[in-house]
């Protein structure tokens, strides 16, 4: 369960960072301007090209949304499978779907 939660938190972080970067790319990048000189140089270069960074942030937002929707779809399909299995198990044999009856 911790793995699924980590995946969802990662998708949420991607969505949030993508949205903040789309709105104010220079300000958002400025918040990350710390650490080793090479890293700061890279962040400064990104700050100089806000339109290109908006494109990157839009891609991050889109990927985060797709990933989040995929994770929700996995949960829903697993819940649907469990619900259908429980329903099949509670049905009398003569009312079960044909594939279930044929398998027995």
N, C-alpha and C. Protein backbone atom coordinates (compact mmCIF):
# COMPACT_ATOMS: atom_id res chain seq x y z
N UNK A 1 0.81 -1.20 0.00
CA UNK A 1 0.00 0.00 0.00
C UNK A 1 0.86 1.27 0.00
N UNK A 2 2.02 1.23 0.64
CA UNK A 2 2.87 2.42 0.69
C UNK A 2 3.36 2.79 -0.70
N UNK A 3 3.57 1.79 -1.56
CA UNK A 3 4.05 2.06 -2.91
C UNK A 3 3.00 2.84 -3.70
N UNK A 4 1.74 2.43 -3.60
CA UNK A 4 0.66 3.12 -4.30
C UNK A 4 0.51 4.55 -3.81
N UNK A 5 0.64 4.73 -2.50
CA UNK A 5 0.55 6.09 -1.95
C UNK A 5 1.70 6.96 -2.44
N UNK A 6 2.89 6.39 -2.50
CA UNK A 6 4.05 7.13 -3.00
C UNK A 6 3.84 7.53 -4.45
N UNK A 7 3.30 6.62 -5.25
CA UNK A 7 3.05 6.92 -6.66
C UNK A 7 2.04 8.06 -6.79
N UNK A 8 0.99 8.04 -5.96
CA UNK A 8 -0.02 9.08 -6.05
C UNK A 8 0.53 10.43 -5.58
N UNK A 9 1.32 10.43 -4.52
CA UNK A 9 1.92 11.68 -4.05
C UNK A 9 2.85 12.24 -5.12
N UNK A 10 3.58 11.39 -5.81
CA UNK A 10 4.45 11.84 -6.89
C UNK A 10 3.64 12.48 -8.01
N UNK A 11 2.52 11.86 -8.38
CA UNK A 11 1.66 12.43 -9.42
C UNK A 11 1.12 13.79 -8.96
N UNK A 12 0.71 13.89 -7.70
CA UNK A 12 0.22 15.16 -7.17
C UNK A 12 1.30 16.23 -7.20
N UNK A 13 2.53 15.86 -6.85
CA UNK A 13 3.64 16.82 -6.88
C UNK A 13 3.90 17.30 -8.31
N UNK A 14 3.84 16.38 -9.26
CA UNK A 14 4.05 16.77 -10.66
C UNK A 14 2.97 17.74 -11.12
N UNK A 15 1.73 17.47 -10.74
CA UNK A 15 0.62 18.35 -11.13
C UNK A 15 0.81 19.73 -10.50
N UNK A 16 1.12 19.77 -9.22
CA UNK A 16 1.29 21.05 -8.52
C UNK A 16 2.46 21.85 -9.05
N UNK A 17 3.61 21.20 -9.24
CA UNK A 17 4.77 21.93 -9.74
C UNK A 17 4.53 22.41 -11.17
N UNK A 18 3.89 21.56 -11.99
CA UNK A 18 3.59 21.97 -13.35
C UNK A 18 2.69 23.19 -13.39
N UNK A 19 1.69 23.21 -12.52
CA UNK A 19 0.76 24.35 -12.48
C UNK A 19 1.47 25.62 -12.00
N UNK A 20 2.25 25.51 -10.92
CA UNK A 20 2.97 26.69 -10.42
C UNK A 20 3.96 27.21 -11.46
N UNK A 21 4.64 26.29 -12.14
CA UNK A 21 5.59 26.69 -13.16
C UNK A 21 4.93 27.35 -14.36
N UNK A 22 3.73 26.91 -14.70
CA UNK A 22 3.00 27.54 -15.80
C UNK A 22 2.61 28.97 -15.46
N UNK A 23 2.19 29.19 -14.23
CA UNK A 23 1.72 30.51 -13.83
C UNK A 23 2.86 31.51 -13.72
N UNK A 24 3.92 31.15 -13.00
CA UNK A 24 5.05 32.07 -12.80
C UNK A 24 6.37 31.29 -12.86
N UNK A 25 6.85 31.00 -14.07
CA UNK A 25 8.04 30.15 -14.20
C UNK A 25 9.30 30.74 -13.55
N UNK A 26 9.53 32.04 -13.72
CA UNK A 26 10.75 32.63 -13.15
C UNK A 26 10.74 32.57 -11.63
N UNK A 27 9.62 32.90 -11.03
CA UNK A 27 9.53 32.86 -9.57
C UNK A 27 9.72 31.43 -9.06
N UNK A 28 9.06 30.48 -9.72
CA UNK A 28 9.17 29.09 -9.28
C UNK A 28 10.61 28.58 -9.41
N UNK A 29 11.26 28.90 -10.50
CA UNK A 29 12.64 28.46 -10.68
C UNK A 29 13.58 29.16 -9.69
N UNK A 30 13.28 30.43 -9.38
CA UNK A 30 14.12 31.17 -8.44
C UNK A 30 14.13 30.49 -7.06
N UNK A 31 13.02 29.88 -6.69
CA UNK A 31 12.95 29.16 -5.41
C UNK A 31 13.92 27.99 -5.35
N UNK A 32 14.29 27.46 -6.52
CA UNK A 32 15.19 26.31 -6.58
C UNK A 32 16.64 26.71 -6.86
N UNK A 33 16.93 27.99 -6.78
CA UNK A 33 18.28 28.49 -7.08
C UNK A 33 19.15 28.43 -5.82
N UNK A 34 19.62 27.24 -5.49
CA UNK A 34 20.49 27.04 -4.33
C UNK A 34 21.37 25.82 -4.63
N UNK A 35 22.32 25.57 -3.79
CA UNK A 35 23.15 24.37 -3.92
C UNK A 35 24.44 24.61 -4.68
N UNK A 36 24.99 23.55 -5.27
CA UNK A 36 26.27 23.64 -5.97
C UNK A 36 26.22 24.62 -7.15
N UNK A 37 27.39 25.11 -7.51
CA UNK A 37 27.47 26.13 -8.57
C UNK A 37 26.90 25.62 -9.89
N UNK A 38 27.18 24.39 -10.24
CA UNK A 38 26.66 23.85 -11.50
C UNK A 38 25.15 23.80 -11.54
N UNK A 39 24.55 23.44 -10.41
CA UNK A 39 23.09 23.39 -10.32
C UNK A 39 22.51 24.79 -10.43
N UNK A 40 23.10 25.76 -9.72
CA UNK A 40 22.62 27.14 -9.80
C UNK A 40 22.74 27.68 -11.21
N UNK A 41 23.81 27.33 -11.90
CA UNK A 41 24.01 27.78 -13.28
C UNK A 41 22.90 27.23 -14.18
N UNK A 42 22.54 25.97 -13.97
CA UNK A 42 21.48 25.36 -14.76
C UNK A 42 20.13 26.05 -14.49
N UNK A 43 19.84 26.32 -13.21
CA UNK A 43 18.58 26.99 -12.86
C UNK A 43 18.56 28.40 -13.45
N UNK A 44 19.67 29.11 -13.39
CA UNK A 44 19.74 30.46 -13.98
C UNK A 44 19.48 30.40 -15.47
N UNK A 45 20.02 29.40 -16.15
CA UNK A 45 19.79 29.27 -17.59
C UNK A 45 18.31 29.02 -17.87
N UNK A 46 17.66 28.23 -17.02
CA UNK A 46 16.23 27.99 -17.21
C UNK A 46 15.41 29.25 -16.96
N UNK A 47 15.82 30.06 -15.99
CA UNK A 47 15.11 31.30 -15.69
C UNK A 47 15.15 32.26 -16.86
N UNK A 48 16.19 32.20 -17.66
CA UNK A 48 16.34 33.11 -18.80
C UNK A 48 15.41 32.75 -19.96
N UNK A 49 14.80 31.59 -19.92
CA UNK A 49 13.91 31.14 -21.00
C UNK A 49 12.56 30.71 -20.43
N UNK A 50 11.77 31.68 -19.97
CA UNK A 50 10.50 31.33 -19.30
C UNK A 50 9.49 30.64 -20.22
N UNK A 51 9.47 30.99 -21.51
CA UNK A 51 8.51 30.36 -22.41
C UNK A 51 8.84 28.89 -22.63
N UNK A 52 10.12 28.58 -22.78
CA UNK A 52 10.53 27.18 -22.92
C UNK A 52 10.21 26.41 -21.63
N UNK A 53 10.39 27.06 -20.50
CA UNK A 53 10.10 26.40 -19.23
C UNK A 53 8.60 26.20 -19.05
N UNK A 54 7.80 27.13 -19.58
CA UNK A 54 6.34 26.93 -19.51
C UNK A 54 5.95 25.67 -20.27
N UNK A 55 6.60 25.45 -21.40
CA UNK A 55 6.34 24.24 -22.17
C UNK A 55 6.72 23.00 -21.35
N UNK A 56 7.87 23.05 -20.70
CA UNK A 56 8.31 21.92 -19.86
C UNK A 56 7.35 21.72 -18.69
N UNK A 57 6.91 22.81 -18.07
CA UNK A 57 5.97 22.69 -16.95
C UNK A 57 4.60 22.18 -17.43
N UNK A 58 4.19 22.57 -18.63
CA UNK A 58 2.92 22.06 -19.18
C UNK A 58 3.03 20.56 -19.41
N UNK A 59 4.18 20.11 -19.92
CA UNK A 59 4.39 18.68 -20.12
C UNK A 59 4.37 17.94 -18.78
N UNK A 60 5.00 18.52 -17.76
CA UNK A 60 5.00 17.90 -16.44
C UNK A 60 3.58 17.82 -15.87
N UNK A 61 2.82 18.88 -16.05
CA UNK A 61 1.42 18.89 -15.59
C UNK A 61 0.61 17.81 -16.30
N UNK A 62 0.76 17.73 -17.61
CA UNK A 62 0.03 16.72 -18.39
C UNK A 62 0.41 15.31 -18.01
N UNK A 63 1.70 15.06 -17.85
CA UNK A 63 2.14 13.72 -17.45
C UNK A 63 1.65 13.37 -16.05
N UNK A 64 1.67 14.35 -15.15
CA UNK A 64 1.16 14.11 -13.80
C UNK A 64 -0.32 13.76 -13.81
N UNK A 65 -1.08 14.47 -14.64
CA UNK A 65 -2.52 14.18 -14.76
C UNK A 65 -2.75 12.79 -15.35
N UNK A 66 -2.02 12.45 -16.40
CA UNK A 66 -2.17 11.13 -17.00
C UNK A 66 -1.81 10.03 -16.01
N UNK A 67 -0.71 10.23 -15.29
CA UNK A 67 -0.28 9.25 -14.32
C UNK A 67 -1.33 9.10 -13.21
N UNK A 68 -1.83 10.24 -12.73
CA UNK A 68 -2.85 10.20 -11.69
C UNK A 68 -4.12 9.50 -12.16
N UNK A 69 -4.55 9.78 -13.39
CA UNK A 69 -5.73 9.12 -13.93
C UNK A 69 -5.50 7.63 -14.10
N UNK A 70 -4.30 7.27 -14.51
CA UNK A 70 -3.95 5.85 -14.64
C UNK A 70 -4.02 5.15 -13.28
N UNK A 71 -3.50 5.81 -12.25
CA UNK A 71 -3.54 5.21 -10.92
C UNK A 71 -4.97 5.06 -10.43
N UNK A 72 -5.82 6.06 -10.68
CA UNK A 72 -7.22 5.98 -10.27
C UNK A 72 -7.91 4.87 -11.04
N UNK A 73 -7.60 4.75 -12.33
CA UNK A 73 -8.19 3.68 -13.15
C UNK A 73 -7.82 2.31 -12.64
N UNK A 74 -6.56 2.14 -12.18
CA UNK A 74 -6.15 0.86 -11.62
C UNK A 74 -6.95 0.54 -10.37
N UNK A 75 -7.16 1.53 -9.53
CA UNK A 75 -7.92 1.32 -8.30
C UNK A 75 -9.36 0.96 -8.62
N UNK A 76 -9.96 1.70 -9.56
CA UNK A 76 -11.35 1.44 -9.89
C UNK A 76 -11.52 0.08 -10.54
N UNK A 77 -10.61 -0.30 -11.43
CA UNK A 77 -10.77 -1.59 -12.08
C UNK A 77 -10.55 -2.73 -11.09
N UNK A 78 -9.64 -2.57 -10.13
CA UNK A 78 -9.45 -3.59 -9.11
C UNK A 78 -10.69 -3.70 -8.24
N UNK A 79 -11.28 -2.56 -7.89
CA UNK A 79 -12.50 -2.57 -7.09
C UNK A 79 -13.65 -3.21 -7.87
N UNK A 80 -13.73 -2.91 -9.16
CA UNK A 80 -14.78 -3.51 -9.99
C UNK A 80 -14.61 -5.02 -10.07
N UNK A 81 -13.37 -5.47 -10.26
CA UNK A 81 -13.11 -6.91 -10.32
C UNK A 81 -13.52 -7.59 -9.02
N UNK A 82 -13.15 -6.98 -7.89
CA UNK A 82 -13.52 -7.55 -6.60
C UNK A 82 -15.03 -7.59 -6.41
N UNK A 83 -15.70 -6.53 -6.83
CA UNK A 83 -17.15 -6.47 -6.71
C UNK A 83 -17.82 -7.54 -7.57
N UNK A 84 -17.34 -7.70 -8.82
CA UNK A 84 -17.92 -8.70 -9.70
C UNK A 84 -17.66 -10.11 -9.18
N UNK A 85 -16.46 -10.36 -8.66
CA UNK A 85 -16.13 -11.67 -8.11
C UNK A 85 -17.03 -12.00 -6.92
N UNK A 86 -17.24 -11.03 -6.06
CA UNK A 86 -18.11 -11.25 -4.90
C UNK A 86 -19.54 -11.51 -5.36
N UNK A 87 -19.98 -10.79 -6.40
CA UNK A 87 -21.33 -10.99 -6.91
C UNK A 87 -21.48 -12.39 -7.51
N UNK A 88 -20.47 -12.84 -8.28
CA UNK A 88 -20.51 -14.17 -8.87
C UNK A 88 -20.57 -15.25 -7.80
N UNK A 89 -19.77 -15.06 -6.76
CA UNK A 89 -19.71 -16.06 -5.69
C UNK A 89 -21.01 -16.14 -4.91
N UNK A 90 -21.79 -15.07 -4.88
CA UNK A 90 -23.03 -15.07 -4.11
C UNK A 90 -24.23 -15.54 -4.94
N UNK A 91 -24.06 -15.68 -6.26
CA UNK A 91 -25.17 -16.11 -7.13
C UNK A 91 -25.34 -17.62 -7.08
N UNK A 92 -26.59 -18.07 -7.20
CA UNK A 92 -26.79 -19.51 -7.37
C UNK A 92 -26.19 -19.96 -8.70
N UNK A 93 -25.81 -21.22 -8.81
CA UNK A 93 -25.12 -21.73 -9.99
C UNK A 93 -25.91 -21.50 -11.28
N UNK A 94 -27.23 -21.63 -11.25
CA UNK A 94 -28.02 -21.48 -12.47
C UNK A 94 -28.13 -20.03 -12.94
N UNK A 95 -27.75 -19.05 -12.10
CA UNK A 95 -27.82 -17.64 -12.49
C UNK A 95 -26.45 -17.06 -12.83
N UNK A 96 -25.37 -17.82 -12.66
CA UNK A 96 -24.04 -17.29 -12.92
C UNK A 96 -23.82 -17.10 -14.41
N UNK A 97 -22.95 -16.16 -14.79
CA UNK A 97 -22.65 -15.95 -16.20
C UNK A 97 -22.14 -17.23 -16.84
N UNK A 98 -22.33 -17.38 -18.13
CA UNK A 98 -22.00 -18.59 -18.85
C UNK A 98 -20.53 -18.99 -18.69
N UNK A 99 -19.61 -18.02 -18.77
CA UNK A 99 -18.20 -18.37 -18.67
C UNK A 99 -17.84 -18.94 -17.30
N UNK A 100 -18.52 -18.48 -16.25
CA UNK A 100 -18.27 -19.01 -14.92
C UNK A 100 -18.81 -20.43 -14.81
N UNK A 101 -20.00 -20.64 -15.31
CA UNK A 101 -20.60 -21.97 -15.25
C UNK A 101 -19.81 -22.96 -16.10
N UNK A 102 -19.32 -22.53 -17.26
CA UNK A 102 -18.55 -23.41 -18.13
C UNK A 102 -17.21 -23.78 -17.51
N UNK A 103 -16.63 -22.87 -16.73
CA UNK A 103 -15.34 -23.14 -16.11
C UNK A 103 -15.44 -24.20 -15.03
N UNK A 104 -16.61 -24.36 -14.46
CA UNK A 104 -16.81 -25.34 -13.38
C UNK A 104 -17.18 -26.63 -13.99
